[in-house]
């Protein structure tokens, strides 16, 4: 990215990375990308109807009827446009980058439809200026979270804050920047999943990529027409020396991993506000694909609730559940056609052309996420399969595919016994997510963040995740597979079953840091013996 004055807050994948489209290309939302368009069609018919999602950026997309910039283009409908926590003024704060991001989510253009063209998008512009920073960004995020009667399922951040503007002395990426704390607080209080564009390029915009409760997104590029390689522009430490130089400045301080998932972001075709075709590149355009995916899944979930389907509850609206579903259904290693690798359609490789099986996340139980790939590549149809399997109670045996939202007490465990034996050599994918506890120091007791207020970080309880043999009654016995990070708010298992037999999943509350009861979401995908 070009260098500009340090007070300018960047949007990732800015318009300087764009170039006119010379020829039509296959949509990144098709089968070679995130496979979302399938859900738009029958029998699924999912486009995000009545589901509210949000967007916070420095600028905002133009709104038809309010802004001249989109007077000839109605393909992006904005349900609400704001300047921080007030209504937007006509022709003020309109930004083509924000418009492009919005179009990825809700465009109704027939040639370039968004991932969730039926969703209701609320967008707030923070504004430009030296006096504007994290407090105003937090106010904007909170305002968006309170829209639609306080029911906004996911909020997109395709921008961030540079560390050199953080007022803390010797600021580092330790999770304690005001905006980072704000996002983790809002996730819990407003029950909205924050989707954050991952840091990109040296001297990037790392805050709030050090959050715990959201999902950070890296971007992929095409090889042979398929989005299956982490793009070289993504920032990640690839050597010990580089890691030491970047630690705390561009990547998280300590061993905690930042990236949760990968989505397409290289040469993405779309339309500009004036209706002209364009191509864009960057994590800015990967993140909104994940945000809009939440809208598709939530439309399905609300249908299930409305028709009172079994194994379904309002837990389906929990942000922890959406996070677990998205991460657990992500693609790592292409299936050979026998289903043993969970039917995955691609092998994702990192910038050094290594796949998941060569990663430290695969080989070290203390590392749940790959530094570049997270848990893998977004596949919206697989996320639908994971989510549609329903919620299952650990008081009875559970199917090979499903999810749950529950609580666990200190030094206790919850076990999920799989109803059918698992097949030798097949892979099991299991993801556990829970929140860091951040509280608002609410000086005026109005229940909302106000300028001048701050947050209290109460830390992260330590939960662990195990796959064990079903007849194993000893909580301390050796597990078949485990994820035992001491610092992450995610545990993730992807491992082969060593022998055909009966297994169970164990969620263990290992160490109390704040409260004695911890809410969590769990998603699992396995291959039973037929």
Protein backbone atom coordinates (compact mmCIF):
# COMPACT_ATOMS: atom_id res chain seq x y z
CA UNK A 1 0.00 0.00 0.00
CA UNK A 2 1.13 3.55 -0.61
CA UNK A 3 2.33 5.46 2.44
CA UNK A 4 0.13 8.33 3.56
CA UNK A 5 0.05 10.59 6.58
CA UNK A 6 0.08 8.44 9.69
CA UNK A 7 -3.23 9.78 11.00
CA UNK A 8 -5.19 8.36 8.13
CA UNK A 9 -6.91 5.13 9.12
CA UNK A 10 -6.69 2.62 6.36
CA UNK A 11 -9.30 0.44 4.73
CA UNK A 12 -7.65 -2.85 3.77
CA UNK A 13 -7.47 -3.57 0.09
CA UNK A 14 -7.99 0.10 -0.69
CA UNK A 15 -9.13 1.37 -4.04
CA UNK A 16 -5.56 1.84 -5.21
CA UNK A 17 -5.47 -1.94 -5.58
CA UNK A 18 -8.39 -1.88 -8.00
CA UNK A 19 -8.21 -2.11 -11.77
CA UNK A 20 -10.87 -2.08 -14.48
CA UNK A 21 -12.30 -5.43 -15.43
CA UNK A 22 -11.17 -6.47 -18.88
CA UNK A 23 -13.28 -9.61 -19.12
CA UNK A 24 -15.95 -11.39 -17.17
CA UNK A 25 -14.68 -14.00 -14.76
CA UNK A 26 -16.36 -16.66 -12.72
CA UNK A 27 -17.84 -15.35 -9.49
CA UNK A 28 -15.81 -16.05 -6.34
CA UNK A 29 -19.15 -17.01 -4.82
CA UNK A 30 -19.46 -20.05 -7.10
CA UNK A 31 -18.10 -23.58 -6.69
CA UNK A 32 -14.48 -22.52 -7.28
CA UNK A 33 -14.78 -19.96 -4.52
CA UNK A 34 -17.05 -20.10 -1.48
CA UNK A 35 -19.94 -22.04 -3.09
CA UNK A 36 -22.60 -19.61 -1.85
CA UNK A 37 -24.63 -19.21 -5.05
CA UNK A 38 -25.94 -22.77 -4.65
CA UNK A 39 -27.87 -21.63 -1.59
CA UNK A 40 -29.60 -18.90 -3.59
CA UNK A 41 -31.24 -21.59 -5.71
CA UNK A 42 -34.00 -24.10 -4.99
CA UNK A 43 -34.45 -26.08 -2.82
CA UNK A 44 -32.53 -23.83 -0.41
CA UNK A 45 -33.74 -20.41 -1.53
CA UNK A 46 -31.53 -18.57 0.97
CA UNK A 47 -30.55 -14.94 0.31
CA UNK A 48 -30.52 -13.53 3.86
CA UNK A 49 -34.11 -12.27 4.00
CA UNK A 50 -34.98 -10.20 7.11
CA UNK A 51 -31.52 -10.78 8.60
CA UNK A 52 -29.69 -7.65 9.71
CA UNK A 53 -25.93 -7.35 9.27
CA UNK A 54 -23.69 -4.36 9.82
CA UNK A 55 -20.74 -2.48 8.39
CA UNK A 56 -18.34 -0.04 10.06
CA UNK A 57 -15.72 1.83 8.05
CA UNK A 58 -14.13 5.25 7.79
CA UNK A 59 -16.57 6.10 5.00
CA UNK A 60 -19.91 4.61 4.05
CA UNK A 61 -21.61 3.28 0.92
CA UNK A 62 -23.87 5.67 -0.94
CA UNK A 63 -27.59 5.26 -0.31
CA UNK A 64 -30.03 5.63 -3.20
CA UNK A 65 -32.20 8.69 -2.68
CA UNK A 66 -29.71 10.26 -0.29
CA UNK A 67 -26.44 10.44 -2.22
CA UNK A 68 -25.74 11.59 -5.77
CA UNK A 69 -22.88 9.11 -6.15
CA UNK A 70 -25.37 6.24 -6.55
CA UNK A 71 -28.20 8.12 -8.24
CA UNK A 72 -27.99 5.80 -11.25
CA UNK A 73 -27.26 2.58 -9.38
CA UNK A 74 -29.84 0.84 -7.21
CA UNK A 75 -28.08 -2.51 -6.87
CA UNK A 76 -26.89 -1.90 -3.28
CA UNK A 77 -29.68 -1.12 -0.84
CA UNK A 78 -28.71 0.24 2.56
CA UNK A 79 -31.25 -0.23 5.37
CA UNK A 80 -29.61 2.47 7.50
CA UNK A 81 -26.77 4.93 6.85
CA UNK A 82 -25.06 6.72 9.73
CA UNK A 83 -22.18 9.01 10.65
CA UNK A 84 -21.00 7.38 13.86
CA UNK A 85 -24.16 7.29 16.01
CA UNK A 86 -26.20 9.82 14.06
CA UNK A 87 -28.06 9.72 10.75
CA UNK A 88 -25.82 10.29 7.75
CA UNK A 89 -26.03 13.60 5.92
CA UNK A 90 -26.68 13.68 2.20
CA UNK A 91 -23.54 13.36 0.05
CA UNK A 92 -21.30 13.30 3.13
CA UNK A 93 -18.84 10.55 4.01
CA UNK A 94 -19.63 8.50 0.89
CA UNK A 95 -16.72 6.26 -0.01
CA UNK A 96 -16.25 3.89 -2.98
CA UNK A 97 -14.30 1.38 -0.84
CA UNK A 98 -17.22 1.10 1.57
CA UNK A 99 -19.59 0.75 -1.38
CA UNK A 100 -17.53 -2.08 -2.85
CA UNK A 101 -17.48 -3.87 0.51
CA UNK A 102 -21.25 -3.46 0.84
CA UNK A 103 -21.78 -4.79 -2.68
CA UNK A 104 -19.98 -8.00 -1.74
CA UNK A 105 -22.67 -8.56 0.86
CA UNK A 106 -26.00 -7.26 -0.49
CA UNK A 107 -25.70 -6.36 -4.19
CA UNK A 108 -28.75 -7.33 -6.25
CA UNK A 109 -26.94 -6.78 -9.56
CA UNK A 110 -27.69 -9.80 -11.76
CA UNK A 111 -24.14 -9.95 -13.07
CA UNK A 112 -22.48 -9.38 -9.69
CA UNK A 113 -24.87 -10.46 -6.94
CA UNK A 114 -23.79 -10.26 -3.32
CA UNK A 115 -23.51 -13.27 -1.04
CA UNK A 116 -26.73 -12.28 0.78
CA UNK A 117 -28.69 -9.94 -1.52
CA UNK A 118 -31.77 -10.17 0.68
CA UNK A 119 -30.08 -9.09 3.92
CA UNK A 120 -30.65 -5.74 5.65
CA UNK A 121 -27.35 -3.83 5.79
CA UNK A 122 -26.76 -1.05 8.31
CA UNK A 123 -23.63 1.02 7.71
CA UNK A 124 -21.84 3.62 9.80
CA UNK A 125 -19.00 5.92 8.76
CA UNK A 126 -16.54 6.88 11.47
CA UNK A 127 -15.33 9.86 9.46
CA UNK A 128 -11.91 11.30 8.65
CA UNK A 129 -9.76 13.46 10.89
CA UNK A 130 -6.91 13.54 13.38
CA UNK A 131 -9.34 13.87 16.30
CA UNK A 132 -11.25 10.72 15.36
CA UNK A 133 -10.05 7.35 16.56
CA UNK A 134 -10.94 4.30 18.60
CA UNK A 135 -13.62 5.91 20.82
CA UNK A 136 -15.52 7.06 17.73
CA UNK A 137 -15.01 3.67 16.07
CA UNK A 138 -16.44 1.98 19.17
CA UNK A 139 -19.42 4.36 19.17
CA UNK A 140 -20.04 3.50 15.51
CA UNK A 141 -19.85 -0.25 16.14
CA UNK A 142 -22.18 -0.01 19.14
CA UNK A 143 -24.66 2.07 17.14
CA UNK A 144 -24.75 -0.53 14.38
CA UNK A 145 -25.15 -3.36 16.91
CA UNK A 146 -28.24 -1.60 18.30
CA UNK A 147 -30.01 -1.34 14.93
CA UNK A 148 -32.91 -3.57 13.89
CA UNK A 149 -34.15 -3.64 17.48
CA UNK A 150 -30.74 -4.74 18.70
CA UNK A 151 -30.77 -7.79 16.43
CA UNK A 152 -27.76 -7.52 14.12
CA UNK A 153 -26.27 -10.97 13.59
CA UNK A 154 -22.84 -10.01 12.20
CA UNK A 155 -20.83 -6.80 11.76
CA UNK A 156 -18.13 -6.30 9.13
CA UNK A 157 -14.88 -4.41 9.75
CA UNK A 158 -12.98 -3.87 6.50
CA UNK A 159 -10.72 -1.30 8.08
CA UNK A 160 -8.58 -0.92 11.16
CA UNK A 161 -6.41 1.31 13.28
CA UNK A 162 -2.61 1.62 13.07
CA UNK A 163 -0.65 1.12 16.26
CA UNK A 164 1.05 4.50 15.90
CA UNK A 165 -2.29 6.15 16.64
CA UNK A 166 -2.97 4.09 19.74
CA UNK A 167 -2.63 6.37 22.81
CA UNK A 168 -1.14 3.66 25.03
CA UNK A 169 2.60 4.04 25.66
CA UNK A 170 4.56 1.42 23.70
CA UNK A 171 1.31 0.03 22.32
CA UNK A 172 1.35 -3.62 21.19
CA UNK A 173 -1.19 -6.14 19.92
CA UNK A 174 -2.04 -7.64 23.29
CA UNK A 175 -5.83 -7.42 23.08
CA UNK A 176 -6.02 -4.30 25.24
CA UNK A 177 -6.56 -1.52 22.70
CA UNK A 178 -9.86 0.26 23.38
CA UNK A 179 -11.38 -0.77 20.04
CA UNK A 180 -10.35 -4.40 20.51
CA UNK A 181 -11.88 -4.45 23.99
CA UNK A 182 -14.98 -2.75 22.59
CA UNK A 183 -15.48 -5.47 19.98
CA UNK A 184 -15.11 -8.28 22.50
CA UNK A 185 -17.52 -6.49 24.86
CA UNK A 186 -20.07 -5.84 22.11
CA UNK A 187 -19.86 -9.44 20.86
CA UNK A 188 -21.09 -10.66 24.23
CA UNK A 189 -23.51 -7.86 25.14
CA UNK A 190 -25.11 -7.43 21.71
CA UNK A 191 -24.65 -11.04 20.55
CA UNK A 192 -23.21 -10.07 17.19
CA UNK A 193 -20.33 -11.83 15.44
CA UNK A 194 -17.65 -9.35 14.40
CA UNK A 195 -15.86 -10.25 11.16
CA UNK A 196 -12.52 -8.46 10.88
CA UNK A 197 -10.37 -8.02 7.77
CA UNK A 198 -6.99 -9.56 8.63
CA UNK A 199 -3.89 -7.42 8.72
CA UNK A 200 -2.29 -7.06 5.31
CA UNK A 201 1.17 -5.92 4.29
CA UNK A 202 3.91 -4.34 6.36
CA UNK A 203 2.90 -1.22 8.27
CA UNK A 204 -0.72 -2.35 8.15
CA UNK A 205 -3.74 -1.72 10.36
CA UNK A 206 -3.54 -4.35 13.07
CA UNK A 207 -6.10 -3.05 15.58
CA UNK A 208 -8.57 -4.80 16.16
CA UNK A 209 -7.09 -8.02 14.71
CA UNK A 210 -6.02 -8.87 18.27
CA UNK A 211 -9.64 -9.52 19.27
CA UNK A 212 -10.73 -12.79 20.88
CA UNK A 213 -14.47 -13.01 20.22
CA UNK A 214 -14.66 -12.21 16.51
CA UNK A 215 -13.26 -13.91 13.39
CA UNK A 216 -10.28 -12.50 11.48
CA UNK A 217 -10.22 -13.23 7.76
CA UNK A 218 -7.24 -13.75 5.43
CA UNK A 219 -7.66 -13.81 1.64
CA UNK A 220 -7.00 -16.37 -1.04
CA UNK A 221 -6.04 -16.20 -4.70
CA UNK A 222 -6.72 -18.55 -7.61
CA UNK A 223 -4.57 -21.43 -8.78
CA UNK A 224 -5.95 -23.18 -11.83
CA UNK A 225 -9.14 -21.16 -11.48
CA UNK A 226 -9.78 -22.32 -7.90
CA UNK A 227 -9.35 -20.16 -4.80
CA UNK A 228 -7.00 -22.42 -2.87
CA UNK A 229 -3.86 -20.47 -1.95
CA UNK A 230 -3.30 -17.92 0.79
CA UNK A 231 -2.41 -14.74 -1.10
CA UNK A 232 1.14 -13.48 -0.68
CA UNK A 233 -0.12 -10.07 0.48
CA UNK A 234 -1.48 -11.49 3.71
CA UNK A 235 0.69 -10.61 6.66
CA UNK A 236 2.06 -13.58 8.60
CA UNK A 237 5.37 -14.33 10.25
CA UNK A 238 7.02 -17.07 8.18
CA UNK A 239 10.34 -17.25 9.99
CA UNK A 240 11.53 -16.95 13.55
CA UNK A 241 13.39 -13.74 12.81
CA UNK A 242 10.45 -12.12 11.11
CA UNK A 243 8.14 -13.27 13.88
CA UNK A 244 10.32 -11.55 16.48
CA UNK A 245 10.30 -8.29 14.51
CA UNK A 246 6.54 -8.32 13.95
CA UNK A 247 5.37 -9.71 17.31
CA UNK A 248 3.15 -7.23 19.08
CA UNK A 249 3.36 -4.72 16.22
CA UNK A 250 1.83 -6.42 13.21
CA UNK A 251 0.86 -9.82 14.66
CA UNK A 252 -0.42 -10.80 18.09
CA UNK A 253 1.94 -10.64 21.01
CA UNK A 254 2.73 -14.14 22.25
CA UNK A 255 1.64 -17.47 20.75
CA UNK A 256 -2.05 -16.62 20.22
CA UNK A 257 -3.03 -16.90 16.56
CA UNK A 258 -4.97 -14.17 14.74
CA UNK A 259 -6.43 -15.64 11.53
CA UNK A 260 -9.61 -17.70 11.82
CA UNK A 261 -10.60 -18.40 8.23
CA UNK A 262 -9.69 -17.66 4.59
CA UNK A 263 -11.98 -16.34 1.84
CA UNK A 264 -11.41 -15.17 -1.77
CA UNK A 265 -9.85 -11.73 -2.10
CA UNK A 266 -7.68 -11.52 -5.21
CA UNK A 267 -9.04 -9.86 -8.38
CA UNK A 268 -12.67 -9.94 -7.25
CA UNK A 269 -15.10 -8.61 -9.89
CA UNK A 270 -17.81 -6.16 -8.82
CA UNK A 271 -19.43 -2.86 -9.77
CA UNK A 272 -18.37 0.58 -8.59
CA UNK A 273 -20.92 3.16 -7.38
CA UNK A 274 -21.20 4.52 -10.93
CA UNK A 275 -22.15 1.07 -12.20
CA UNK A 276 -18.86 0.41 -13.98
CA UNK A 277 -17.17 -2.99 -13.67
CA UNK A 278 -14.10 -3.24 -11.48
CA UNK A 279 -11.68 -5.70 -9.87
CA UNK A 280 -10.55 -5.38 -6.28
CA UNK A 281 -8.01 -7.15 -4.09
CA UNK A 282 -7.49 -7.40 -0.34
CA UNK A 283 -8.80 -8.76 2.94
CA UNK A 284 -11.38 -5.96 2.79
CA UNK A 285 -13.25 -8.04 0.25
CA UNK A 286 -12.74 -11.41 1.88
CA UNK A 287 -14.24 -10.37 5.22
CA UNK A 288 -17.69 -9.32 3.89
CA UNK A 289 -18.13 -12.75 2.29
CA UNK A 290 -17.94 -14.26 5.76
CA UNK A 291 -20.25 -11.59 7.21
CA UNK A 292 -22.88 -12.21 4.53
CA UNK A 293 -22.57 -15.97 5.00
CA UNK A 294 -23.89 -15.43 8.53
CA UNK A 295 -27.01 -13.83 6.98
CA UNK A 296 -27.65 -16.89 4.79
CA UNK A 297 -27.25 -19.28 7.70
CA UNK A 298 -29.37 -17.16 10.00
CA UNK A 299 -32.21 -16.99 7.48
CA UNK A 300 -32.21 -20.79 7.49
CA UNK A 301 -32.01 -20.89 11.28
CA UNK A 302 -34.95 -18.53 11.68
CA UNK A 303 -36.99 -20.70 9.29
CA UNK A 304 -36.24 -23.69 11.49
CA UNK A 305 -37.36 -21.79 14.57
CA UNK A 306 -40.50 -20.47 12.89
CA UNK A 307 -41.57 -23.97 11.84
CA UNK A 308 -40.58 -25.43 15.24
CA UNK A 309 -38.19 -28.04 13.93
CA UNK A 310 -36.72 -30.58 16.37
CA UNK A 311 -33.16 -30.12 17.62
CA UNK A 312 -33.45 -26.39 17.09
CA UNK A 313 -33.54 -23.47 19.53
CA UNK A 314 -32.72 -19.78 19.72
CA UNK A 315 -29.18 -20.90 20.55
CA UNK A 316 -28.83 -20.93 16.75
CA UNK A 317 -28.62 -17.12 16.93
CA UNK A 318 -25.61 -17.12 19.24
CA UNK A 319 -22.46 -15.54 17.82
CA UNK A 320 -20.36 -18.32 19.36
CA UNK A 321 -22.38 -20.89 17.40
CA UNK A 322 -21.88 -19.03 14.12
CA UNK A 323 -18.16 -18.83 14.81
CA UNK A 324 -17.89 -22.54 15.59
CA UNK A 325 -19.94 -23.49 12.51
CA UNK A 326 -17.90 -21.33 10.13
CA UNK A 327 -14.54 -22.47 11.45
CA UNK A 328 -15.40 -26.15 11.72
CA UNK A 329 -16.80 -26.43 8.19
CA UNK A 330 -13.81 -24.71 6.56
CA UNK A 331 -11.89 -26.68 3.94
CA UNK A 332 -8.34 -27.96 4.41
CA UNK A 333 -7.52 -31.10 2.41
CA UNK A 334 -9.37 -32.28 -0.70
CA UNK A 335 -11.36 -35.47 -0.25
CA UNK A 336 -10.38 -38.46 -2.40
CA UNK A 337 -14.01 -39.28 -3.13
CA UNK A 338 -14.42 -41.76 -0.28
CA UNK A 339 -15.69 -39.18 2.18
CA UNK A 340 -12.91 -39.85 4.68
CA UNK A 341 -11.78 -36.23 4.51
CA UNK A 342 -15.30 -34.99 5.17
CA UNK A 343 -16.08 -34.31 1.50
CA UNK A 344 -13.80 -31.27 1.28
CA UNK A 345 -13.50 -29.91 -2.26
CA UNK A 346 -10.03 -28.30 -2.21
CA UNK A 347 -6.62 -28.41 -0.62
CA UNK A 348 -5.68 -25.00 0.73
CA UNK A 349 -1.99 -24.10 0.75
CA UNK A 350 -0.17 -21.30 2.51
CA UNK A 351 2.29 -18.79 1.08
CA UNK A 352 5.08 -21.41 1.23
CA UNK A 353 2.87 -23.95 -0.61
CA UNK A 354 2.41 -26.08 2.51
CA UNK A 355 -0.96 -27.62 3.32
CA UNK A 356 -2.70 -28.15 6.65
CA UNK A 357 -1.10 -31.55 7.24
CA UNK A 358 2.33 -29.86 7.23
CA UNK A 359 1.27 -27.13 9.66
CA UNK A 360 2.14 -26.75 13.32
CA UNK A 361 -1.60 -26.49 14.01
CA UNK A 362 -2.01 -30.07 12.78
CA UNK A 363 0.99 -31.41 14.64
CA UNK A 364 0.91 -29.50 17.93
CA UNK A 365 -2.18 -29.83 20.19
CA UNK A 366 -1.33 -26.50 21.83
CA UNK A 367 -1.80 -24.66 18.51
CA UNK A 368 -5.44 -24.72 17.29
CA UNK A 369 -5.12 -22.31 14.34
CA UNK A 370 -2.63 -22.09 11.48
CA UNK A 371 -1.00 -18.66 11.41
CA UNK A 372 -1.91 -18.13 7.74
CA UNK A 373 -4.91 -20.41 7.14
CA UNK A 374 -6.79 -20.36 10.45
CA UNK A 375 -8.97 -23.48 10.21
CA UNK A 376 -9.13 -23.40 6.41
CA UNK A 377 -11.06 -21.90 3.49
CA UNK A 378 -14.65 -20.69 3.74
CA UNK A 379 -17.18 -22.95 2.02
CA UNK A 380 -20.69 -21.60 2.51
CA UNK A 381 -22.48 -24.75 1.45
CA UNK A 382 -20.45 -26.80 3.91
CA UNK A 383 -21.26 -24.25 6.61
CA UNK A 384 -24.92 -24.77 5.75
CA UNK A 385 -24.48 -28.54 6.05
CA UNK A 386 -22.81 -28.09 9.44
CA UNK A 387 -25.47 -25.70 10.73
CA UNK A 388 -28.50 -27.55 9.33
CA UNK A 389 -27.48 -30.70 11.22
CA UNK A 390 -29.02 -29.06 14.28
CA UNK A 391 -28.31 -28.70 17.99
CA UNK A 392 -27.74 -31.83 20.05
CA UNK A 393 -27.87 -32.41 23.79
CA UNK A 394 -25.01 -34.28 25.48
CA UNK A 395 -27.46 -36.12 27.75
CA UNK A 396 -28.04 -38.49 24.83
CA UNK A 397 -25.87 -39.83 22.04
CA UNK A 398 -25.30 -37.39 19.20
CA UNK A 399 -25.08 -37.86 15.40
CA UNK A 400 -21.88 -37.68 13.37
CA UNK A 401 -22.57 -34.06 12.41
CA UNK A 402 -23.98 -31.32 14.63
CA UNK A 403 -23.46 -28.44 17.05
CA UNK A 404 -24.39 -27.34 20.57
CA UNK A 405 -24.45 -24.27 22.82
CA UNK A 406 -24.08 -24.93 26.52
CA UNK A 407 -22.23 -24.03 29.73
CA UNK A 408 -19.54 -25.88 31.67
CA UNK A 409 -18.41 -25.34 35.25
CA UNK A 410 -14.90 -24.95 36.60
CA UNK A 411 -12.87 -28.19 36.69
CA UNK A 412 -15.82 -30.06 35.17
CA UNK A 413 -16.36 -31.49 31.72
CA UNK A 414 -19.19 -32.10 29.26
CA UNK A 415 -19.10 -35.21 27.07
CA UNK A 416 -20.81 -35.90 23.74
CA UNK A 417 -20.89 -39.59 22.84
CA UNK A 418 -21.23 -40.20 19.11
CA UNK A 419 -24.13 -42.56 18.34
CA UNK A 420 -22.30 -44.56 15.66
CA UNK A 421 -18.75 -45.92 15.50
CA UNK A 422 -16.26 -43.85 13.53
CA UNK A 423 -14.41 -45.31 10.58
CA UNK A 424 -10.69 -45.96 10.78
CA UNK A 425 -8.68 -43.47 8.71
CA UNK A 426 -11.53 -40.99 8.50
CA UNK A 427 -10.98 -37.45 9.76
CA UNK A 428 -12.82 -35.74 12.58
CA UNK A 429 -13.25 -31.97 12.71
CA UNK A 430 -14.27 -30.40 16.04
CA UNK A 431 -14.30 -26.72 17.01
CA UNK A 432 -14.89 -25.17 20.42
CA UNK A 433 -15.43 -21.40 20.81
CA UNK A 434 -16.03 -19.18 23.82
CA UNK A 435 -15.70 -15.51 24.77
CA UNK A 436 -13.12 -13.48 26.57
CA UNK A 437 -14.94 -11.56 29.31
CA UNK A 438 -14.75 -7.81 28.78
CA UNK A 439 -16.92 -5.46 30.83
CA UNK A 440 -17.78 -1.80 30.30
CA UNK A 441 -16.69 0.69 32.96
CA UNK A 442 -20.07 2.38 32.69
CA UNK A 443 -19.56 5.62 34.59
CA UNK A 444 -22.99 7.09 33.88
CA UNK A 445 -24.78 3.72 34.30
CA UNK A 446 -26.71 4.01 31.02
CA UNK A 447 -25.70 0.54 29.77
CA UNK A 448 -23.89 1.95 26.74
CA UNK A 449 -20.36 2.98 25.85
CA UNK A 450 -19.91 6.75 25.83
CA UNK A 451 -16.88 8.80 24.82
CA UNK A 452 -14.53 9.00 27.79
CA UNK A 453 -15.45 5.55 29.11
CA UNK A 454 -13.32 2.45 28.86
CA UNK A 455 -13.40 -1.30 29.46
CA UNK A 456 -12.20 -3.86 31.96
CA UNK A 457 -10.49 -6.96 30.63
CA UNK A 458 -11.36 -9.87 32.92
CA UNK A 459 -9.44 -12.37 30.84
CA UNK A 460 -10.15 -15.69 29.19
CA UNK A 461 -11.14 -18.88 30.95
CA UNK A 462 -9.14 -21.88 29.73
CA UNK A 463 -11.17 -24.63 28.03
CA UNK A 464 -9.71 -27.72 26.38
CA UNK A 465 -11.09 -30.11 23.78
CA UNK A 466 -10.57 -33.87 23.39
CA UNK A 467 -11.62 -36.81 21.25
CA UNK A 468 -11.53 -39.91 23.46
CA UNK A 469 -12.69 -43.51 23.28
CA UNK A 470 -16.29 -43.88 24.40
CA UNK A 471 -15.44 -46.35 27.14
CA UNK A 472 -12.84 -44.00 28.65
CA UNK A 473 -14.22 -42.91 32.03
CA UNK A 474 -10.99 -41.31 33.27
CA UNK A 475 -10.92 -37.56 32.60
CA UNK A 476 -7.12 -37.61 32.79
CA UNK A 477 -6.62 -40.54 30.41
CA UNK A 478 -4.70 -40.00 27.19
CA UNK A 479 -6.89 -38.64 24.40
CA UNK A 480 -6.96 -39.86 20.81
CA UNK A 481 -6.76 -36.22 19.69
CA UNK A 482 -6.72 -32.97 21.63
CA UNK A 483 -6.61 -29.18 21.38
CA UNK A 484 -5.21 -27.67 24.55
CA UNK A 485 -4.14 -24.09 23.84
CA UNK A 486 -3.58 -22.01 26.97
CA UNK A 487 -4.09 -18.66 25.23
CA UNK A 488 -6.67 -18.97 22.43
CA UNK A 489 -10.46 -18.56 22.61
CA UNK A 490 -10.79 -21.37 20.05
CA UNK A 491 -9.86 -25.03 20.26
CA UNK A 492 -9.83 -26.99 17.02
CA UNK A 493 -9.24 -30.67 16.25
CA UNK A 494 -8.68 -32.09 12.77
CA UNK A 495 -7.28 -35.58 13.05
CA UNK A 496 -7.62 -39.12 11.63
CA UNK A 497 -9.43 -41.84 13.59
CA UNK A 498 -6.80 -44.47 14.55
CA UNK A 499 -9.19 -47.43 14.73
CA UNK A 500 -12.84 -48.13 13.98
CA UNK A 501 -14.78 -47.81 17.20
CA UNK A 502 -16.99 -45.70 19.45
CA UNK A 503 -15.79 -42.23 20.45
CA UNK A 504 -16.90 -39.19 22.41
CA UNK A 505 -16.02 -35.51 22.47
CA UNK A 506 -14.99 -33.98 25.78
CA UNK A 507 -15.13 -30.26 26.63
CA UNK A 508 -13.02 -29.60 29.74
CA UNK A 509 -13.04 -26.39 31.83
CA UNK A 510 -9.35 -26.46 32.69
CA UNK A 511 -8.72 -23.19 34.54
CA UNK A 512 -10.94 -20.40 35.89
CA UNK A 513 -9.73 -16.87 35.16
CA UNK A 514 -12.99 -14.94 35.61
CA UNK A 515 -16.39 -16.59 36.17
CA UNK A 516 -16.91 -20.16 37.41
CA UNK A 517 -19.39 -21.00 34.63
CA UNK A 518 -18.41 -20.61 30.98
CA UNK A 519 -20.75 -20.57 27.96
CA UNK A 520 -19.37 -22.23 24.84
CA UNK A 521 -20.32 -23.40 21.36
CA UNK A 522 -19.23 -26.72 19.89
CA UNK A 523 -19.42 -27.98 16.30
CA UNK A 524 -18.35 -31.40 15.07
CA UNK A 525 -18.14 -33.31 11.77
CA UNK A 526 -17.19 -36.98 11.56
CA UNK A 527 -17.59 -40.07 9.38
CA UNK A 528 -19.60 -42.95 10.88
CA UNK A 529 -19.40 -46.56 9.84
CA UNK A 530 -22.32 -47.10 7.47
